[in-house]
Amino acid sequence: ESVIQFDEGFNVITGESGSGKSLILKAIRFCLGQKVNKSFVGHWGTQAVVRMELQGDWPKDLLPELKSDSGRYIIHRVLREKSSQCF
């Protein structure tokens, strides 16, 4: 499990070629509902799991169907070879 915390304001992701910068962006887009190629699952398993925790009021602008009394949102999406689920 990897955790990335973005702070308010400007954030930068840097790294060498092949270190996973684009994969981070793909994972965020996947968690927010974008369709992905089944190759996203990879060669080492049968599923890909992405979990995002969002705080504040701005997630409602992206996903108006989200409900929260605390301003904390957790999105958990699972991609399998033949299906996808979002929680």
C-alpha atoms as a PDB file:
ATOM      1  CA  GLU A   1       0.000   0.000   0.000  1.00  0.00           C
ATOM      2  CA  SER A   2       1.280   3.452  -0.919  1.00  0.00           C
ATOM      3  CA  VAL A   3       0.034   6.721   0.507  1.00  0.00           C
ATOM      4  CA  ILE A   4       0.397  10.102  -1.178  1.00  0.00           C
ATOM      5  CA  GLN A   5      -0.761  13.201   0.620  1.00  0.00           C
ATOM      6  CA  PHE A   6      -1.380  16.321  -1.419  1.00  0.00           C
ATOM      7  CA  ASP A   7      -1.369  19.562   0.532  1.00  0.00           C
ATOM      8  CA  GLU A   8      -3.385  22.669  -0.240  1.00  0.00           C
ATOM      9  CA  GLY A   9      -1.862  24.721  -3.021  1.00  0.00           C
ATOM     10  CA  PHE A  10       0.716  23.614  -5.576  1.00  0.00           C
ATOM     11  CA  ASN A  11       1.986  20.001  -5.508  1.00  0.00           C
ATOM     12  CA  VAL A  12       4.644  18.449  -7.753  1.00  0.00           C
ATOM     13  CA  ILE A  13       5.320  14.791  -8.556  1.00  0.00           C
ATOM     14  CA  THR A  14       8.848  14.166  -9.817  1.00  0.00           C
ATOM     15  CA  GLY A  15      10.856  11.072 -10.598  1.00  0.00           C
ATOM     16  CA  GLU A  16      12.899   9.248 -13.182  1.00  0.00           C
ATOM     17  CA  SER A  17      11.370   7.748 -16.306  1.00  0.00           C
ATOM     18  CA  GLY A  18       9.451   4.604 -15.432  1.00  0.00           C
ATOM     19  CA  SER A  19       9.104   5.459 -11.735  1.00  0.00           C
ATOM     20  CA  GLY A  20       5.262   5.555 -11.800  1.00  0.00           C
ATOM     21  CA  LYS A  21       4.283   9.229 -12.140  1.00  0.00           C
ATOM     22  CA  SER A  22       1.756   8.521 -14.907  1.00  0.00           C
ATOM     23  CA  LEU A  23       0.431   5.496 -13.012  1.00  0.00           C
ATOM     24  CA  ILE A  24      -0.476   7.777 -10.085  1.00  0.00           C
ATOM     25  CA  LEU A  25      -2.539   9.984 -12.418  1.00  0.00           C
ATOM     26  CA  LYS A  26      -4.187   6.925 -14.023  1.00  0.00           C
ATOM     27  CA  ALA A  27      -5.101   5.596 -10.562  1.00  0.00           C
ATOM     28  CA  ILE A  28      -6.688   8.916  -9.574  1.00  0.00           C
ATOM     29  CA  ARG A  29      -8.682   9.099 -12.820  1.00  0.00           C
ATOM     30  CA  PHE A  30      -9.735   5.445 -12.411  1.00  0.00           C
ATOM     31  CA  CYS A  31     -10.944   6.088  -8.870  1.00  0.00           C
ATOM     32  CA  LEU A  32     -12.968   9.071 -10.104  1.00  0.00           C
ATOM     33  CA  GLY A  33     -14.752   6.873 -12.651  1.00  0.00           C
ATOM     34  CA  GLN A  34     -12.718   6.938 -15.853  1.00  0.00           C
ATOM     35  CA  LYS A  35     -12.662   3.707 -17.828  1.00  0.00           C
ATOM     36  CA  VAL A  36      -9.261   2.046 -17.977  1.00  0.00           C
ATOM     37  CA  ASN A  37      -7.725  -0.689 -20.061  1.00  0.00           C
ATOM     38  CA  LYS A  38      -7.778  -4.116 -18.407  1.00  0.00           C
ATOM     39  CA  SER A  39      -3.957  -4.050 -18.568  1.00  0.00           C
ATOM     40  CA  PHE A  40      -4.220  -1.680 -15.572  1.00  0.00           C
ATOM     41  CA  VAL A  41      -4.581  -4.862 -13.481  1.00  0.00           C
ATOM     42  CA  GLY A  42      -1.013  -5.809 -14.366  1.00  0.00           C
ATOM     43  CA  HIS A  43       0.911  -9.033 -14.671  1.00  0.00           C
ATOM     44  CA  TRP A  44       1.096  -9.905 -10.966  1.00  0.00           C
ATOM     45  CA  GLY A  45      -2.501 -10.310  -9.890  1.00  0.00           C
ATOM     46  CA  THR A  46      -6.137 -10.650 -10.830  1.00  0.00           C
ATOM     47  CA  GLN A  47      -7.372  -7.235  -9.676  1.00  0.00           C
ATOM     48  CA  ALA A  48      -6.361  -3.621  -9.121  1.00  0.00           C
ATOM     49  CA  VAL A  49      -7.620  -1.721  -6.073  1.00  0.00           C
ATOM     50  CA  VAL A  50      -7.467   2.048  -5.666  1.00  0.00           C
ATOM     51  CA  ARG A  51      -8.665   3.856  -2.538  1.00  0.00           C
ATOM     52  CA  MET A  52      -8.774   7.633  -2.236  1.00  0.00           C
ATOM     53  CA  GLU A  53      -9.635   9.744   0.766  1.00  0.00           C
ATOM     54  CA  LEU A  54     -10.747  13.288  -0.031  1.00  0.00           C
ATOM     55  CA  GLN A  55     -11.444  16.073   2.438  1.00  0.00           C
ATOM     56  CA  GLY A  56     -13.240  19.374   2.158  1.00  0.00           C
ATOM     57  CA  ASP A  57     -16.196  20.546   0.117  1.00  0.00           C
ATOM     58  CA  TRP A  58     -14.583  20.445  -3.345  1.00  0.00           C
ATOM     59  CA  PRO A  59     -15.186  16.689  -4.013  1.00  0.00           C
ATOM     60  CA  LYS A  60     -18.914  17.474  -4.339  1.00  0.00           C
ATOM     61  CA  ASP A  61     -18.053  19.573  -7.415  1.00  0.00           C
ATOM     62  CA  LEU A  62     -16.430  16.519  -9.055  1.00  0.00           C
ATOM     63  CA  LEU A  63     -18.931  13.928  -7.873  1.00  0.00           C
ATOM     64  CA  PRO A  64     -22.219  15.560  -6.788  1.00  0.00           C
ATOM     65  CA  GLU A  65     -23.683  12.197  -5.741  1.00  0.00           C
ATOM     66  CA  LEU A  66     -21.231  11.979  -2.818  1.00  0.00           C
ATOM     67  CA  LYS A  67     -22.717  12.529   0.623  1.00  0.00           C
ATOM     68  CA  SER A  68     -20.802  13.397   3.800  1.00  0.00           C
ATOM     69  CA  ASP A  69     -21.628  15.133   7.051  1.00  0.00           C
ATOM     70  CA  SER A  70     -17.963  15.369   8.053  1.00  0.00           C
ATOM     71  CA  GLY A  71     -16.466  16.607   4.760  1.00  0.00           C
ATOM     72  CA  ARG A  72     -14.477  13.367   4.438  1.00  0.00           C
ATOM     73  CA  TYR A  73     -15.002  11.129   1.408  1.00  0.00           C
ATOM     74  CA  ILE A  74     -13.516   7.694   0.769  1.00  0.00           C
ATOM     75  CA  ILE A  75     -13.720   6.263  -2.746  1.00  0.00           C
ATOM     76  CA  HIS A  76     -12.692   2.630  -3.191  1.00  0.00           C
ATOM     77  CA  ARG A  77     -12.693   1.094  -6.659  1.00  0.00           C
ATOM     78  CA  VAL A  78     -11.817  -2.459  -7.664  1.00  0.00           C
ATOM     79  CA  LEU A  79     -11.047  -3.541 -11.226  1.00  0.00           C
ATOM     80  CA  ARG A  80     -11.107  -7.223 -12.081  1.00  0.00           C
ATOM     81  CA  GLU A  81     -10.539  -8.854 -15.439  1.00  0.00           C
ATOM     82  CA  LYS A  82     -14.262  -8.792 -16.295  1.00  0.00           C
ATOM     83  CA  SER A  83     -15.827  -6.269 -13.921  1.00  0.00           C
ATOM     84  CA  SER A  84     -15.415  -3.095 -11.911  1.00  0.00           C
ATOM     85  CA  GLN A  85     -16.941  -2.019  -8.589  1.00  0.00           C
ATOM     86  CA  CYS A  86     -16.937   1.349  -6.870  1.00  0.00           C
ATOM     87  CA  PHE A  87     -17.696   1.957  -3.196  1.00  0.00           C
END
